[in-house]
Amino acid sequence: MGPAITVLTPVYNGERYLAECIESVRAQTRTDWEYVIVDNCSTDRTAEIAAHYAGIDSRIRLVRCTEFVNAHRSFCRTIEFMDPGSRYCKFVCADDKIYPECLELMVAVAEKYPSVGLVSAYRMYGDQVSMDPLLPDTEDFLPGREAMRRAMLKGIYVTGAPTSILFAAEVLRHRKPFFDETVWHSDTDAALRTLLHKDLGFVHRVLTFSRMHSDTLTHSFADRINTYLCLFVDSLIRYGPLVLTKDEYRRAIRIRLLKYWWFLLKARVKASRRNDRIFQAFHNTQLLRMLTELPDEDRETRFMLKSMRALLADRSATLLSP
C-alpha cells in the first residue's frame, strides 16, 4: 500500500537549511508519507545532504534533475514525482519547516470534508504569527468561493506561502502545469483557482514556519519590487467577477487600483525606482498582461491600468521569469 501523503521539496542550493527542513518532516506524528526532494541542478551540498537522509530513511527519495528551470517550473516539476496513489500533497520549501502535528491535523480536516481542495493554517513568518483568519476559531470549513470573496473584500491572503498549504492530490494532477509562471505569485494564483471548484479547510494552529530572510531570490525580489500590490489587482481581475457582485467588484478594484497607482506615482519621482530597469520592467510586464486579460467592457479598470503604464519610465523593457 502506497503513502497517503506526498511531501515535496523543490530545491536549488539549499544546503544551509535543508537538513532542518528534512528533520521537520521526519518528526511528523503522522507517518504514512513519502518525501520527494527534487534538486534543481544545485552546485552546493544540497544533493549530498538529501542523499544522506534518503539512505537512512526509506520514505525519502532524492531526484536529481539535469535541466535547471525557474522557480515556477521547479515547483511544477516536483508534482511529476508524486506517488500515483497519494491522496494529499504538501509542499515544504527548502528553507522552511513544518511542526510535528502539521500533516496529522491538516489531513484530519481534509478527510472530515471530502469537498476540501486545500487546507491552510497559521504560520510563523520569522518571529511573527502570519495569516489573517477568514473564519471563526470554532469553524474549520468554508466554501471555496466564499473564502475567495471574503479575502478579496478584506484584501488579505487566503492561504499564505506554499509551505502553509496541504492540497488534495487530485487538484494537482488535474491541471498541467499547475502553477502559472506568467503570475509572479503563482502559488497564490493556484490556490485561488483551486477554490473556484473546491472548498477551504483551516486549522487554527501554527503548523508551519517560513523563514524571513533576504538571501533568497523570490523574497528579496518581492520586497524590493513590491509585487504584492500587483498580486491583489491581478487576482481581482482574474477571479473577482466570478465571486463578487458587480458593486462589490467595482468597490474592491477601485481601492486596489488606487493604491497601486499611488505607489507607481511615487516611484516615478524617486530616482532609485525610476532608474531601476528591473522594477520598471516587472510592473510594465504585469500591467500589460492584466490589460490583455481584462474584459473589454471594464473601461474604468482599463483606463487606470493604462495610466499606470504611462507612469513607468521604461515601457519597452522586458523581464525574464525568476
Protein backbone atom coordinates (compact mmCIF):
# COMPACT_ATOMS: atom_id res chain seq x y z
CA MET A 1 0.00 0.00 0.00
CA GLY A 2 1.42 3.37 -1.04
CA PRO A 3 1.71 6.53 1.04
CA ALA A 4 -1.35 8.66 1.80
CA ILE A 5 0.68 11.89 1.67
CA THR A 6 3.46 13.07 -0.61
CA VAL A 7 5.68 15.81 0.76
CA LEU A 8 7.55 17.71 -1.98
CA THR A 9 10.59 19.97 -1.69
CA PRO A 10 11.94 21.61 -4.83
CA VAL A 11 15.39 22.94 -4.01
CA TYR A 12 18.28 24.84 -5.55
CA ASN A 13 21.43 25.42 -3.50
CA GLY A 14 19.58 24.88 -0.24
CA GLU A 15 22.37 23.38 1.87
CA ARG A 16 22.05 26.00 4.61
CA TYR A 17 18.61 24.95 5.88
CA LEU A 18 17.81 21.69 4.07
CA ALA A 19 18.74 19.34 6.92
CA GLU A 20 16.48 21.25 9.32
CA CYS A 21 13.67 21.10 6.76
CA ILE A 22 14.07 17.34 6.29
CA GLU A 23 14.22 16.68 10.04
CA SER A 24 10.92 18.54 10.47
CA VAL A 25 9.25 16.15 8.02
CA ARG A 26 10.76 13.10 9.71
CA ALA A 27 9.41 14.34 13.06
CA GLN A 28 5.76 14.21 11.92
CA THR A 29 3.28 12.46 14.20
CA ARG A 30 1.55 11.03 11.13
CA THR A 31 3.91 8.63 9.40
CA ASP A 32 2.17 7.39 6.22
CA TRP A 33 4.04 9.75 3.91
CA GLU A 34 6.72 9.77 1.27
CA TYR A 35 9.13 12.68 0.93
CA VAL A 36 10.48 13.60 -2.50
CA ILE A 37 13.32 16.14 -2.67
CA VAL A 38 13.81 17.41 -6.22
CA ASP A 39 17.21 19.01 -6.79
CA ASN A 40 17.23 21.73 -9.44
CA CYS A 41 20.90 21.35 -10.51
CA SER A 42 22.36 22.61 -7.22
CA THR A 43 26.07 23.41 -7.09
CA ASP A 44 26.46 23.20 -3.31
CA ARG A 45 25.99 20.26 -0.88
CA THR A 46 22.22 20.06 -1.40
CA ALA A 47 22.27 16.68 -3.19
CA GLU A 48 24.75 15.25 -0.69
CA ILE A 49 22.54 16.21 2.27
CA ALA A 50 19.39 14.86 0.63
CA ALA A 51 21.15 11.63 -0.37
CA HIS A 52 22.27 11.10 3.22
CA TYR A 53 18.70 11.23 4.50
CA ALA A 54 17.42 9.06 1.65
CA GLY A 55 19.99 6.49 2.73
CA ILE A 56 18.77 6.35 6.32
CA ASP A 57 15.01 6.72 5.76
CA SER A 58 13.32 4.65 3.04
CA ARG A 59 10.41 7.11 2.87
CA ILE A 60 12.72 9.81 1.49
CA ARG A 61 13.62 9.94 -2.18
CA LEU A 62 16.08 12.23 -3.97
CA VAL A 63 15.53 13.18 -7.61
CA ARG A 64 18.45 14.97 -9.27
CA CYS A 65 17.38 16.91 -12.35
CA THR A 66 19.74 17.63 -15.23
CA GLU A 67 17.94 20.74 -16.51
CA PHE A 68 17.85 23.95 -14.48
CA VAL A 69 14.44 25.64 -14.56
CA ASN A 70 12.93 28.72 -12.95
CA ALA A 71 11.16 28.62 -9.58
CA HIS A 72 7.66 28.20 -11.02
CA ARG A 73 8.67 25.29 -13.27
CA SER A 74 10.67 23.74 -10.46
CA PHE A 75 7.54 23.51 -8.31
CA CYS A 76 5.54 22.14 -11.25
CA ARG A 77 8.18 19.53 -11.97
CA THR A 78 8.11 18.11 -8.45
CA ILE A 79 4.45 17.11 -8.91
CA GLU A 80 5.52 14.62 -11.61
CA PHE A 81 7.35 12.57 -8.97
CA MET A 82 4.38 12.23 -6.60
CA ASP A 83 3.30 8.67 -5.86
CA PRO A 84 0.23 7.92 -8.05
CA GLY A 85 -1.63 6.60 -5.01
CA SER A 86 -1.10 9.63 -2.78
CA ARG A 87 -4.29 11.38 -1.71
CA TYR A 88 -2.66 14.54 -0.37
CA CYS A 89 0.32 16.67 -1.29
CA LYS A 90 2.31 19.00 0.96
CA PHE A 91 4.94 21.38 -0.39
CA VAL A 92 7.69 22.34 2.03
CA CYS A 93 10.16 24.94 0.81
CA ALA A 94 13.78 24.01 1.50
CA ASP A 95 14.38 26.94 3.86
CA ASP A 96 11.12 26.36 5.77
CA LYS A 97 9.96 23.67 8.18
CA ILE A 98 6.75 22.13 9.47
CA TYR A 99 5.82 21.43 13.08
CA PRO A 100 5.25 17.82 14.27
CA GLU A 101 1.45 17.77 14.07
CA CYS A 102 1.23 19.55 10.71
CA LEU A 103 0.39 16.59 8.49
CA GLU A 104 -1.84 14.92 11.07
CA LEU A 105 -4.03 17.96 11.71
CA MET A 106 -4.23 19.13 8.09
CA VAL A 107 -5.14 15.71 6.74
CA ALA A 108 -7.75 15.29 9.50
CA VAL A 109 -9.59 18.39 8.24
CA ALA A 110 -9.29 17.26 4.62
CA GLU A 111 -10.72 13.83 5.48
CA LYS A 112 -13.52 15.39 7.50
CA TYR A 113 -14.72 17.35 4.46
CA PRO A 114 -14.36 15.46 1.13
CA SER A 115 -15.06 18.63 -0.89
CA VAL A 116 -11.97 20.39 0.52
CA GLY A 117 -9.28 21.00 -2.11
CA LEU A 118 -6.77 22.69 0.14
CA VAL A 119 -6.13 23.11 3.84
CA SER A 120 -4.29 26.05 5.37
CA ALA A 121 -3.30 27.09 8.89
CA TYR A 122 -1.49 29.79 10.79
CA ARG A 123 2.25 30.02 10.19
CA MET A 124 5.27 31.57 11.79
CA TYR A 125 6.88 34.05 9.42
CA GLY A 126 10.15 34.87 11.08
CA ASP A 127 9.16 35.71 14.64
CA GLN A 128 5.57 36.70 13.84
CA VAL A 129 2.37 34.67 13.51
CA SER A 130 1.07 35.23 10.00
CA MET A 131 -2.27 34.63 8.24
CA ASP A 132 -5.46 36.61 8.64
CA PRO A 133 -8.30 34.26 9.57
CA LEU A 134 -11.31 34.10 7.27
CA LEU A 135 -13.49 32.14 9.69
CA PRO A 136 -14.08 31.97 13.46
CA ASP A 137 -11.93 29.78 15.71
CA THR A 138 -14.84 27.37 16.12
CA GLU A 139 -15.07 26.63 12.38
CA ASP A 140 -12.67 24.73 10.15
CA PHE A 141 -14.52 24.75 6.81
CA LEU A 142 -15.53 27.43 4.33
CA PRO A 143 -16.94 27.05 0.81
CA GLY A 144 -14.20 27.91 -1.65
CA ARG A 145 -15.92 30.79 -3.40
CA GLU A 146 -16.96 32.34 -0.11
CA ALA A 147 -13.34 32.13 1.06
CA MET A 148 -12.26 33.95 -2.11
CA ARG A 149 -14.99 36.54 -1.67
CA ARG A 150 -14.03 37.35 1.93
CA ALA A 151 -10.34 37.50 1.09
CA MET A 152 -10.87 39.86 -1.84
CA LEU A 153 -13.18 42.18 0.07
CA LYS A 154 -10.77 42.35 3.01
CA GLY A 155 -7.63 42.49 0.88
CA ILE A 156 -5.91 39.57 2.64
CA TYR A 157 -4.23 36.35 1.62
CA VAL A 158 -6.34 33.22 1.52
CA THR A 159 -3.64 30.68 2.10
CA GLY A 160 -0.18 32.10 2.76
CA ALA A 161 3.04 30.65 1.33
CA PRO A 162 3.45 27.23 -0.40
CA THR A 163 4.62 25.65 2.85
CA SER A 164 1.36 26.74 4.53
CA ILE A 165 -0.89 24.60 2.31
CA LEU A 166 -1.92 20.96 2.02
CA PHE A 167 -3.53 20.10 -1.34
CA ALA A 168 -5.79 17.24 -2.30
CA ALA A 169 -3.54 15.40 -4.77
CA GLU A 170 -6.29 15.20 -7.40
CA VAL A 171 -6.23 19.00 -7.65
CA LEU A 172 -2.56 19.00 -8.65
CA ARG A 173 -2.96 16.14 -11.10
CA HIS A 174 -5.94 17.78 -12.79
CA ARG A 175 -4.09 20.73 -14.34
CA LYS A 176 -0.70 20.84 -16.07
CA PRO A 177 1.21 22.98 -15.46
CA PHE A 178 -0.35 23.56 -12.06
CA PHE A 179 1.47 26.86 -11.42
CA ASP A 180 1.07 29.67 -13.96
CA GLU A 181 4.52 31.18 -14.42
CA THR A 182 3.12 34.36 -16.00
CA VAL A 183 1.94 35.29 -12.50
CA TRP A 184 4.79 36.12 -10.13
CA HIS A 185 2.86 34.81 -7.08
CA SER A 186 1.85 31.66 -8.90
CA ASP A 187 1.26 29.82 -5.61
CA THR A 188 -1.45 32.28 -4.55
CA ASP A 189 -2.97 32.19 -8.03
CA ALA A 190 -3.08 28.38 -7.93
CA ALA A 191 -4.77 28.44 -4.52
CA LEU A 192 -7.44 30.87 -5.72
CA ARG A 193 -8.03 28.85 -8.88
CA THR A 194 -8.47 25.74 -6.73
CA LEU A 195 -11.05 27.46 -4.55
CA LEU A 196 -13.23 28.17 -7.57
CA HIS A 197 -14.15 24.48 -7.58
CA LYS A 198 -13.07 23.14 -4.19
CA ASP A 199 -13.57 24.21 -0.58
CA LEU A 200 -11.19 25.50 2.09
CA GLY A 201 -10.21 23.73 5.29
CA PHE A 202 -8.41 25.60 8.04
CA VAL A 203 -6.55 24.52 11.17
CA HIS A 204 -6.46 27.13 13.91
CA ARG A 205 -2.95 26.23 14.95
CA VAL A 206 0.53 27.39 13.96
CA LEU A 207 1.71 24.43 11.86
CA THR A 208 4.47 25.79 9.63
CA PHE A 209 7.49 28.08 9.75
CA SER A 210 8.60 30.27 6.84
CA ARG A 211 11.99 31.81 7.18
CA MET A 212 12.20 35.60 6.82
CA HIS A 213 15.50 36.48 5.23
CA SER A 214 16.77 38.48 2.28
CA ASP A 215 19.18 35.97 0.74
CA THR A 216 16.65 34.20 -1.45
CA LEU A 217 15.70 35.43 -4.91
CA THR A 218 11.95 35.40 -4.51
CA HIS A 219 11.81 37.07 -1.08
CA SER A 220 14.30 39.82 -1.86
CA PHE A 221 12.79 40.49 -5.29
CA ALA A 222 9.22 40.62 -3.99
CA ASP A 223 10.15 43.06 -1.23
CA ARG A 224 12.29 45.30 -3.45
CA ILE A 225 9.84 45.45 -6.34
CA ASN A 226 6.67 45.26 -4.20
CA THR A 227 4.99 42.52 -6.18
CA TYR A 228 2.11 42.31 -3.68
CA LEU A 229 0.21 45.35 -4.96
CA CYS A 230 0.20 43.79 -8.40
CA LEU A 231 -0.96 40.47 -6.92
CA PHE A 232 -4.12 41.91 -5.37
CA VAL A 233 -5.14 43.76 -8.53
CA ASP A 234 -4.38 40.79 -10.75
CA SER A 235 -6.34 38.39 -8.50
CA LEU A 236 -9.34 40.70 -8.57
CA ILE A 237 -9.25 40.95 -12.35
CA ARG A 238 -8.93 37.19 -12.78
CA TYR A 239 -11.34 35.95 -10.15
CA GLY A 240 -13.27 38.89 -8.68
CA PRO A 241 -16.10 38.91 -11.25
CA LEU A 242 -16.65 35.19 -10.58
CA VAL A 243 -17.21 35.50 -6.82
CA LEU A 244 -18.22 39.13 -6.17
CA THR A 245 -21.31 41.09 -7.08
CA LYS A 246 -20.80 43.88 -9.62
CA ASP A 247 -20.89 46.53 -6.89
CA GLU A 248 -18.50 44.58 -4.65
CA TYR A 249 -16.08 44.11 -7.51
CA ARG A 250 -16.22 47.77 -8.53
CA ARG A 251 -15.50 48.97 -4.99
CA ALA A 252 -12.71 46.43 -4.40
CA ILE A 253 -10.93 47.04 -7.71
CA ARG A 254 -11.08 50.82 -7.25
CA ILE A 255 -9.41 50.57 -3.83
CA ARG A 256 -6.66 48.28 -5.10
CA LEU A 257 -6.05 50.24 -8.30
CA LEU A 258 -5.77 53.50 -6.39
CA LYS A 259 -3.18 52.05 -4.01
CA TYR A 260 -1.19 50.64 -6.92
CA TRP A 261 -1.45 53.90 -8.87
CA TRP A 262 -0.16 55.98 -5.94
CA PHE A 263 2.72 53.55 -5.46
CA LEU A 264 3.80 53.91 -9.10
CA LEU A 265 3.35 57.70 -8.99
CA LYS A 266 5.71 57.94 -6.00
CA ALA A 267 8.11 55.55 -7.75
CA ARG A 268 8.22 57.87 -10.75
CA VAL A 269 9.63 60.76 -8.71
CA LYS A 270 12.09 58.55 -6.82
CA ALA A 271 15.35 58.23 -8.75
CA SER A 272 16.21 54.78 -7.42
CA ARG A 273 12.87 53.45 -8.71
CA ARG A 274 12.81 55.47 -11.92
CA ASN A 275 16.26 54.21 -12.90
CA ASP A 276 15.69 50.60 -11.83
CA ARG A 277 15.08 48.80 -15.12
CA ILE A 278 14.04 45.57 -13.39
CA PHE A 279 11.44 47.43 -11.32
CA GLN A 280 10.15 49.19 -14.42
CA ALA A 281 10.12 46.02 -16.50
CA PHE A 282 8.29 43.93 -13.91
CA HIS A 283 5.41 46.33 -13.43
CA ASN A 284 5.14 47.08 -17.13
CA THR A 285 5.01 43.37 -17.97
CA GLN A 286 2.38 42.62 -15.32
CA LEU A 287 0.21 45.61 -16.22
CA LEU A 288 0.33 44.70 -19.88
CA ARG A 289 -0.70 41.12 -19.10
CA MET A 290 -3.60 42.34 -16.97
CA LEU A 291 -4.76 44.56 -19.82
CA THR A 292 -4.83 41.58 -22.17
CA GLU A 293 -6.92 39.56 -19.69
CA LEU A 294 -9.32 42.38 -18.82
CA PRO A 295 -12.81 42.21 -20.39
CA ASP A 296 -13.41 45.00 -22.91
CA GLU A 297 -16.44 46.29 -21.03
CA ASP A 298 -14.42 47.10 -17.90
CA ARG A 299 -13.41 50.53 -19.22
CA GLU A 300 -12.70 52.12 -15.86
CA THR A 301 -10.13 49.49 -14.91
CA ARG A 302 -8.63 49.61 -18.39
CA PHE A 303 -8.17 53.37 -18.11
CA MET A 304 -6.43 53.03 -14.73
CA LEU A 305 -4.11 50.27 -15.94
CA LYS A 306 -3.12 52.31 -18.99
CA SER A 307 -2.48 55.37 -16.84
CA MET A 308 -0.25 53.28 -14.55
CA ARG A 309 1.74 52.06 -17.53
CA ALA A 310 2.20 55.69 -18.53
CA LEU A 311 3.78 56.36 -15.13
CA LEU A 312 6.57 53.89 -15.81
CA ALA A 313 9.79 55.34 -17.10
CA ASP A 314 10.73 52.49 -19.41
CA ARG A 315 7.81 50.78 -21.10
CA SER A 316 9.94 48.89 -23.59
CA ALA A 317 11.81 46.75 -21.06
CA THR A 318 11.03 43.07 -20.52
CA LEU A 319 11.66 40.78 -17.60
CA LEU A 320 12.51 37.11 -17.58
CA SER A 321 10.84 34.87 -15.00
CA PRO A 322 12.94 34.01 -11.94
